[in-house]
């Protein structure tokens, strides 16, 4: 089942992240992929590797950076999603990346892409 992001900012961020990942050569396999244990913002593929891309979008650094939103509990949730995904695709390596986006009010944005942002257990 596909679920849309709950905010326009989240939707904007996922659109920007999808375009960014495509430009880097990744194939988008799914967006807002709902699994038993939670939701994957973007599931992409780079070569034989499945990439779980967690997208965090903010309009300012007032309460921290988008990257800082991927705290311990979120990292644990992402590892759980990776384990569930590995049961569906046992022969494919899985990587967890973060796409951190600062969306400015003037329409410009800044993207930081962090590969292997969350290590396995």
N, C-alpha and C. Protein backbone atom coordinates (compact mmCIF):
# COMPACT_ATOMS: atom_id res chain seq x y z
N UNK A 1 0.83 -1.17 0.00
CA UNK A 1 0.00 0.00 0.00
C UNK A 1 0.88 1.24 0.00
N UNK A 2 0.57 2.21 -0.82
CA UNK A 2 1.34 3.44 -0.92
C UNK A 2 0.67 4.53 -0.10
N UNK A 3 1.49 5.22 0.67
CA UNK A 3 0.97 6.31 1.49
C UNK A 3 1.75 7.57 1.12
N UNK A 4 1.07 8.65 0.90
CA UNK A 4 1.73 9.90 0.54
C UNK A 4 2.32 10.56 1.80
N UNK A 5 3.39 11.36 1.64
CA UNK A 5 3.91 12.10 2.78
C UNK A 5 2.81 12.96 3.37
N UNK A 6 2.90 13.19 4.66
CA UNK A 6 1.82 13.87 5.36
C UNK A 6 1.84 15.38 5.19
N UNK A 7 2.92 15.94 4.68
CA UNK A 7 2.99 17.40 4.52
C UNK A 7 3.43 17.76 3.11
N UNK A 8 3.05 18.95 2.65
CA UNK A 8 3.55 19.40 1.34
C UNK A 8 5.08 19.48 1.33
N UNK A 9 5.67 19.89 2.45
CA UNK A 9 7.14 19.97 2.53
C UNK A 9 7.75 18.58 2.37
N UNK A 10 7.15 17.59 3.01
CA UNK A 10 7.66 16.22 2.88
C UNK A 10 7.54 15.72 1.46
N UNK A 11 6.43 16.03 0.80
CA UNK A 11 6.23 15.63 -0.59
C UNK A 11 7.24 16.33 -1.50
N UNK A 12 7.46 17.62 -1.27
CA UNK A 12 8.44 18.37 -2.04
C UNK A 12 9.83 17.75 -1.86
N UNK A 13 10.17 17.42 -0.62
CA UNK A 13 11.48 16.83 -0.34
C UNK A 13 11.66 15.48 -1.03
N UNK A 14 10.63 14.66 -1.01
CA UNK A 14 10.74 13.35 -1.66
C UNK A 14 10.83 13.49 -3.18
N UNK A 15 10.14 14.47 -3.75
CA UNK A 15 10.28 14.73 -5.19
C UNK A 15 11.70 15.16 -5.53
N UNK A 16 12.24 16.10 -4.74
CA UNK A 16 13.62 16.56 -4.96
C UNK A 16 14.61 15.40 -4.80
N UNK A 17 14.41 14.60 -3.76
CA UNK A 17 15.31 13.49 -3.50
C UNK A 17 15.26 12.45 -4.63
N UNK A 18 14.06 12.16 -5.14
CA UNK A 18 13.93 11.20 -6.25
C UNK A 18 14.69 11.69 -7.48
N UNK A 19 14.51 12.97 -7.82
CA UNK A 19 15.23 13.52 -8.98
C UNK A 19 16.74 13.48 -8.75
N UNK A 20 17.16 13.82 -7.55
CA UNK A 20 18.58 13.83 -7.22
C UNK A 20 19.18 12.42 -7.36
N UNK A 21 18.48 11.43 -6.81
CA UNK A 21 18.99 10.06 -6.88
C UNK A 21 19.03 9.56 -8.32
N UNK A 22 18.03 9.89 -9.11
CA UNK A 22 18.03 9.50 -10.53
C UNK A 22 19.22 10.11 -11.25
N UNK A 23 19.53 11.39 -10.98
CA UNK A 23 20.68 12.05 -11.61
C UNK A 23 21.99 11.37 -11.22
N UNK A 24 22.02 10.77 -10.04
CA UNK A 24 23.22 10.05 -9.59
C UNK A 24 23.26 8.63 -10.15
N UNK A 25 22.26 8.26 -10.94
CA UNK A 25 22.27 6.96 -11.59
C UNK A 25 21.51 5.86 -10.87
N UNK A 26 20.81 6.19 -9.81
CA UNK A 26 20.02 5.18 -9.10
C UNK A 26 18.66 5.03 -9.78
N UNK A 27 18.13 3.83 -9.73
CA UNK A 27 16.80 3.56 -10.28
C UNK A 27 15.81 3.58 -9.11
N UNK A 28 14.77 4.37 -9.22
CA UNK A 28 13.74 4.43 -8.17
C UNK A 28 12.81 3.24 -8.36
N UNK A 29 12.75 2.38 -7.36
CA UNK A 29 11.89 1.19 -7.44
C UNK A 29 10.54 1.44 -6.78
N UNK A 30 10.50 2.27 -5.73
CA UNK A 30 9.23 2.56 -5.05
C UNK A 30 9.41 3.81 -4.19
N UNK A 31 8.27 4.48 -3.95
CA UNK A 31 8.24 5.60 -3.01
C UNK A 31 7.16 5.31 -1.99
N UNK A 32 7.41 5.70 -0.76
CA UNK A 32 6.46 5.49 0.33
C UNK A 32 6.03 4.03 0.40
N UNK A 33 7.03 3.16 0.38
CA UNK A 33 6.78 1.72 0.41
C UNK A 33 6.45 1.28 1.82
N UNK A 34 5.25 0.77 1.99
CA UNK A 34 4.77 0.34 3.31
C UNK A 34 5.11 -1.13 3.50
N UNK A 35 5.84 -1.43 4.57
CA UNK A 35 6.14 -2.79 4.97
C UNK A 35 5.47 -3.06 6.31
N UNK A 36 5.55 -4.29 6.80
CA UNK A 36 4.93 -4.61 8.09
C UNK A 36 5.50 -3.76 9.21
N UNK A 37 6.80 -3.49 9.15
CA UNK A 37 7.48 -2.80 10.26
C UNK A 37 7.55 -1.28 10.09
N UNK A 38 7.04 -0.75 8.97
CA UNK A 38 7.08 0.69 8.78
C UNK A 38 7.12 1.06 7.31
N UNK A 39 7.57 2.28 7.04
CA UNK A 39 7.55 2.80 5.68
C UNK A 39 8.94 3.23 5.23
N UNK A 40 9.25 2.93 3.97
CA UNK A 40 10.50 3.37 3.34
C UNK A 40 10.15 4.56 2.46
N UNK A 41 10.82 5.70 2.68
CA UNK A 41 10.53 6.89 1.88
C UNK A 41 10.78 6.61 0.39
N UNK A 42 11.99 6.17 0.08
CA UNK A 42 12.34 5.84 -1.30
C UNK A 42 13.14 4.54 -1.29
N UNK A 43 12.72 3.60 -2.11
CA UNK A 43 13.50 2.39 -2.33
C UNK A 43 14.11 2.52 -3.72
N UNK A 44 15.41 2.53 -3.77
CA UNK A 44 16.12 2.70 -5.04
C UNK A 44 17.06 1.51 -5.24
N UNK A 45 17.66 1.48 -6.41
CA UNK A 45 18.63 0.42 -6.69
C UNK A 45 19.83 1.04 -7.38
N UNK A 46 21.00 0.65 -6.91
CA UNK A 46 22.26 1.08 -7.52
C UNK A 46 23.04 -0.19 -7.82
N UNK A 47 23.12 -0.55 -9.08
CA UNK A 47 23.73 -1.84 -9.43
C UNK A 47 22.88 -2.95 -8.86
N UNK A 48 23.51 -3.81 -8.06
CA UNK A 48 22.76 -4.90 -7.42
C UNK A 48 22.31 -4.55 -6.02
N UNK A 49 22.68 -3.37 -5.55
CA UNK A 49 22.38 -2.96 -4.18
C UNK A 49 21.03 -2.25 -4.08
N UNK A 50 20.20 -2.71 -3.15
CA UNK A 50 18.96 -2.00 -2.83
C UNK A 50 19.31 -0.88 -1.87
N UNK A 51 18.75 0.28 -2.11
CA UNK A 51 19.06 1.45 -1.28
C UNK A 51 17.78 1.95 -0.63
N UNK A 52 17.78 1.94 0.70
CA UNK A 52 16.70 2.57 1.46
C UNK A 52 17.14 4.02 1.66
N UNK A 53 16.39 4.94 1.06
CA UNK A 53 16.73 6.36 1.18
C UNK A 53 15.74 7.03 2.12
N UNK A 54 16.24 7.45 3.25
CA UNK A 54 15.43 8.20 4.22
C UNK A 54 15.56 9.67 3.86
N UNK A 55 14.44 10.34 3.63
CA UNK A 55 14.43 11.75 3.22
C UNK A 55 14.00 12.61 4.40
N UNK A 56 14.82 13.61 4.71
CA UNK A 56 14.49 14.58 5.76
C UNK A 56 14.59 15.97 5.16
N UNK A 57 13.50 16.71 5.24
CA UNK A 57 13.43 18.06 4.66
C UNK A 57 13.07 19.07 5.74
N UNK A 58 13.82 20.16 5.77
CA UNK A 58 13.55 21.25 6.71
C UNK A 58 13.64 22.58 5.98
N UNK A 59 13.04 23.60 6.56
CA UNK A 59 13.11 24.93 5.97
C UNK A 59 14.13 25.83 6.66
N UNK A 60 14.68 25.37 7.78
CA UNK A 60 15.72 26.13 8.47
C UNK A 60 16.49 25.17 9.39
N UNK A 61 17.60 25.65 9.89
CA UNK A 61 18.39 24.87 10.85
C UNK A 61 18.07 25.27 12.28
N UNK A 62 16.97 25.99 12.47
CA UNK A 62 16.61 26.53 13.78
C UNK A 62 16.64 25.46 14.87
N UNK A 63 16.09 24.30 14.59
CA UNK A 63 16.07 23.22 15.59
C UNK A 63 16.95 22.06 15.15
N UNK A 64 18.04 22.37 14.46
CA UNK A 64 18.97 21.34 14.02
C UNK A 64 18.86 21.09 12.52
N UNK A 65 19.78 20.28 12.04
CA UNK A 65 19.85 19.98 10.61
C UNK A 65 18.92 18.82 10.28
N UNK A 66 18.60 18.65 9.00
CA UNK A 66 17.79 17.49 8.62
C UNK A 66 18.47 16.17 9.01
N UNK A 67 19.79 16.12 8.88
CA UNK A 67 20.53 14.92 9.24
C UNK A 67 20.34 14.53 10.70
N UNK A 68 20.26 15.56 11.56
CA UNK A 68 20.09 15.30 12.99
C UNK A 68 18.73 14.72 13.32
N UNK A 69 17.80 14.81 12.38
CA UNK A 69 16.47 14.22 12.59
C UNK A 69 16.51 12.69 12.50
N UNK A 70 17.60 12.16 11.96
CA UNK A 70 17.75 10.71 11.88
C UNK A 70 18.49 10.27 13.15
N UNK A 71 17.77 10.33 14.26
CA UNK A 71 18.32 10.05 15.58
C UNK A 71 18.35 8.53 15.83
N UNK A 72 18.75 8.16 17.02
CA UNK A 72 18.94 6.75 17.37
C UNK A 72 17.71 5.89 17.09
N UNK A 73 16.53 6.35 17.52
CA UNK A 73 15.31 5.55 17.32
C UNK A 73 14.98 5.40 15.84
N UNK A 74 15.19 6.46 15.06
CA UNK A 74 14.93 6.39 13.62
C UNK A 74 15.92 5.44 12.97
N UNK A 75 17.16 5.47 13.40
CA UNK A 75 18.17 4.55 12.85
C UNK A 75 17.80 3.11 13.15
N UNK A 76 17.31 2.87 14.36
CA UNK A 76 16.90 1.51 14.72
C UNK A 76 15.74 1.06 13.84
N UNK A 77 14.78 1.97 13.58
CA UNK A 77 13.64 1.66 12.72
C UNK A 77 14.12 1.35 11.29
N UNK A 78 15.08 2.11 10.79
CA UNK A 78 15.60 1.87 9.45
C UNK A 78 16.31 0.52 9.36
N UNK A 79 17.05 0.15 10.40
CA UNK A 79 17.69 -1.19 10.42
C UNK A 79 16.64 -2.29 10.42
N UNK A 80 15.53 -2.08 11.14
CA UNK A 80 14.43 -3.06 11.15
C UNK A 80 13.82 -3.19 9.76
N UNK A 81 13.62 -2.07 9.09
CA UNK A 81 13.09 -2.10 7.72
C UNK A 81 14.06 -2.83 6.78
N UNK A 82 15.35 -2.60 6.97
CA UNK A 82 16.35 -3.27 6.13
C UNK A 82 16.31 -4.78 6.34
N UNK A 83 16.15 -5.20 7.59
CA UNK A 83 16.05 -6.65 7.86
C UNK A 83 14.82 -7.25 7.18
N UNK A 84 13.69 -6.55 7.27
CA UNK A 84 12.48 -7.05 6.63
C UNK A 84 12.67 -7.12 5.11
N UNK A 85 13.28 -6.10 4.55
CA UNK A 85 13.52 -6.08 3.12
C UNK A 85 14.47 -7.21 2.70
N UNK A 86 15.45 -7.49 3.55
CA UNK A 86 16.41 -8.56 3.22
C UNK A 86 15.75 -9.94 3.20
N UNK A 87 14.64 -10.09 3.92
CA UNK A 87 13.90 -11.35 3.86
C UNK A 87 13.20 -11.50 2.51
N UNK A 88 12.78 -10.40 1.94
CA UNK A 88 12.13 -10.43 0.62
C UNK A 88 13.15 -10.58 -0.51
N UNK A 89 14.33 -10.02 -0.32
CA UNK A 89 15.39 -10.04 -1.33
C UNK A 89 16.69 -10.55 -0.69
N UNK A 90 16.74 -11.85 -0.37
CA UNK A 90 17.86 -12.39 0.41
C UNK A 90 19.22 -12.32 -0.27
N UNK A 91 19.26 -12.22 -1.57
CA UNK A 91 20.55 -12.25 -2.27
C UNK A 91 21.04 -10.88 -2.72
N UNK A 92 20.38 -9.82 -2.25
CA UNK A 92 20.79 -8.48 -2.64
C UNK A 92 21.31 -7.72 -1.43
N UNK A 93 22.45 -7.07 -1.60
CA UNK A 93 22.92 -6.21 -0.51
C UNK A 93 21.99 -5.03 -0.34
N UNK A 94 21.90 -4.54 0.90
CA UNK A 94 21.02 -3.41 1.21
C UNK A 94 21.84 -2.34 1.91
N UNK A 95 21.62 -1.10 1.51
CA UNK A 95 22.32 0.04 2.08
C UNK A 95 21.28 1.05 2.54
N UNK A 96 21.56 1.75 3.63
CA UNK A 96 20.67 2.80 4.12
C UNK A 96 21.36 4.15 3.95
N UNK A 97 20.74 5.02 3.16
CA UNK A 97 21.27 6.35 2.91
C UNK A 97 20.29 7.39 3.46
N UNK A 98 20.80 8.60 3.63
CA UNK A 98 19.95 9.72 4.04
C UNK A 98 20.10 10.83 3.00
N UNK A 99 18.96 11.38 2.58
CA UNK A 99 18.94 12.55 1.72
C UNK A 99 18.41 13.69 2.59
N UNK A 100 19.30 14.61 2.95
CA UNK A 100 18.96 15.74 3.82
C UNK A 100 18.78 16.98 2.96
N UNK A 101 17.63 17.61 3.09
CA UNK A 101 17.30 18.74 2.21
C UNK A 101 16.94 19.96 3.04
N UNK A 102 17.56 21.08 2.69
CA UNK A 102 17.18 22.37 3.23
C UNK A 102 16.42 23.08 2.11
N UNK A 103 15.12 23.28 2.30
CA UNK A 103 14.27 23.95 1.31
C UNK A 103 14.07 25.39 1.76
N UNK A 104 14.62 26.32 0.99
CA UNK A 104 14.53 27.73 1.36
C UNK A 104 13.24 28.35 0.84
N UNK A 105 12.83 29.44 1.46
CA UNK A 105 11.58 30.11 1.09
C UNK A 105 11.65 30.73 -0.31
N UNK A 106 12.86 30.97 -0.82
CA UNK A 106 12.98 31.56 -2.17
C UNK A 106 12.91 30.51 -3.27
N UNK A 107 12.63 29.27 -2.90
CA UNK A 107 12.49 28.21 -3.90
C UNK A 107 13.76 27.43 -4.17
N UNK A 108 14.89 27.91 -3.64
CA UNK A 108 16.13 27.16 -3.83
C UNK A 108 16.23 26.09 -2.75
N UNK A 109 17.14 25.17 -2.95
CA UNK A 109 17.32 24.11 -1.96
C UNK A 109 18.78 23.65 -1.96
N UNK A 110 19.12 23.00 -0.89
CA UNK A 110 20.45 22.44 -0.70
C UNK A 110 20.26 20.98 -0.31
N UNK A 111 20.99 20.09 -0.97
CA UNK A 111 20.85 18.66 -0.70
C UNK A 111 22.19 18.10 -0.25
N UNK A 112 22.15 17.36 0.84
CA UNK A 112 23.32 16.59 1.27
C UNK A 112 22.92 15.12 1.22
N UNK A 113 23.72 14.34 0.51
CA UNK A 113 23.45 12.92 0.33
C UNK A 113 24.49 12.13 1.12
N UNK A 114 24.02 11.34 2.05
CA UNK A 114 24.92 10.57 2.92
C UNK A 114 24.72 9.09 2.64
N UNK A 115 25.69 8.48 1.97
CA UNK A 115 25.62 7.04 1.72
C UNK A 115 26.05 6.28 2.97
N UNK A 116 25.47 5.11 3.17
CA UNK A 116 25.79 4.29 4.34
C UNK A 116 25.62 5.09 5.62
N UNK A 117 24.58 5.90 5.69
CA UNK A 117 24.36 6.78 6.84
C UNK A 117 24.04 5.99 8.10
N UNK A 118 23.41 4.84 7.92
CA UNK A 118 23.05 4.00 9.05
C UNK A 118 23.68 2.64 8.82
N UNK A 119 24.58 2.28 9.69
CA UNK A 119 25.27 0.99 9.57
C UNK A 119 24.39 -0.11 10.16
N UNK A 120 24.59 -1.32 9.68
CA UNK A 120 23.88 -2.48 10.22
C UNK A 120 24.35 -2.78 11.63
N UNK A 121 23.68 -3.74 12.26
CA UNK A 121 23.99 -4.05 13.66
C UNK A 121 25.16 -5.01 13.73
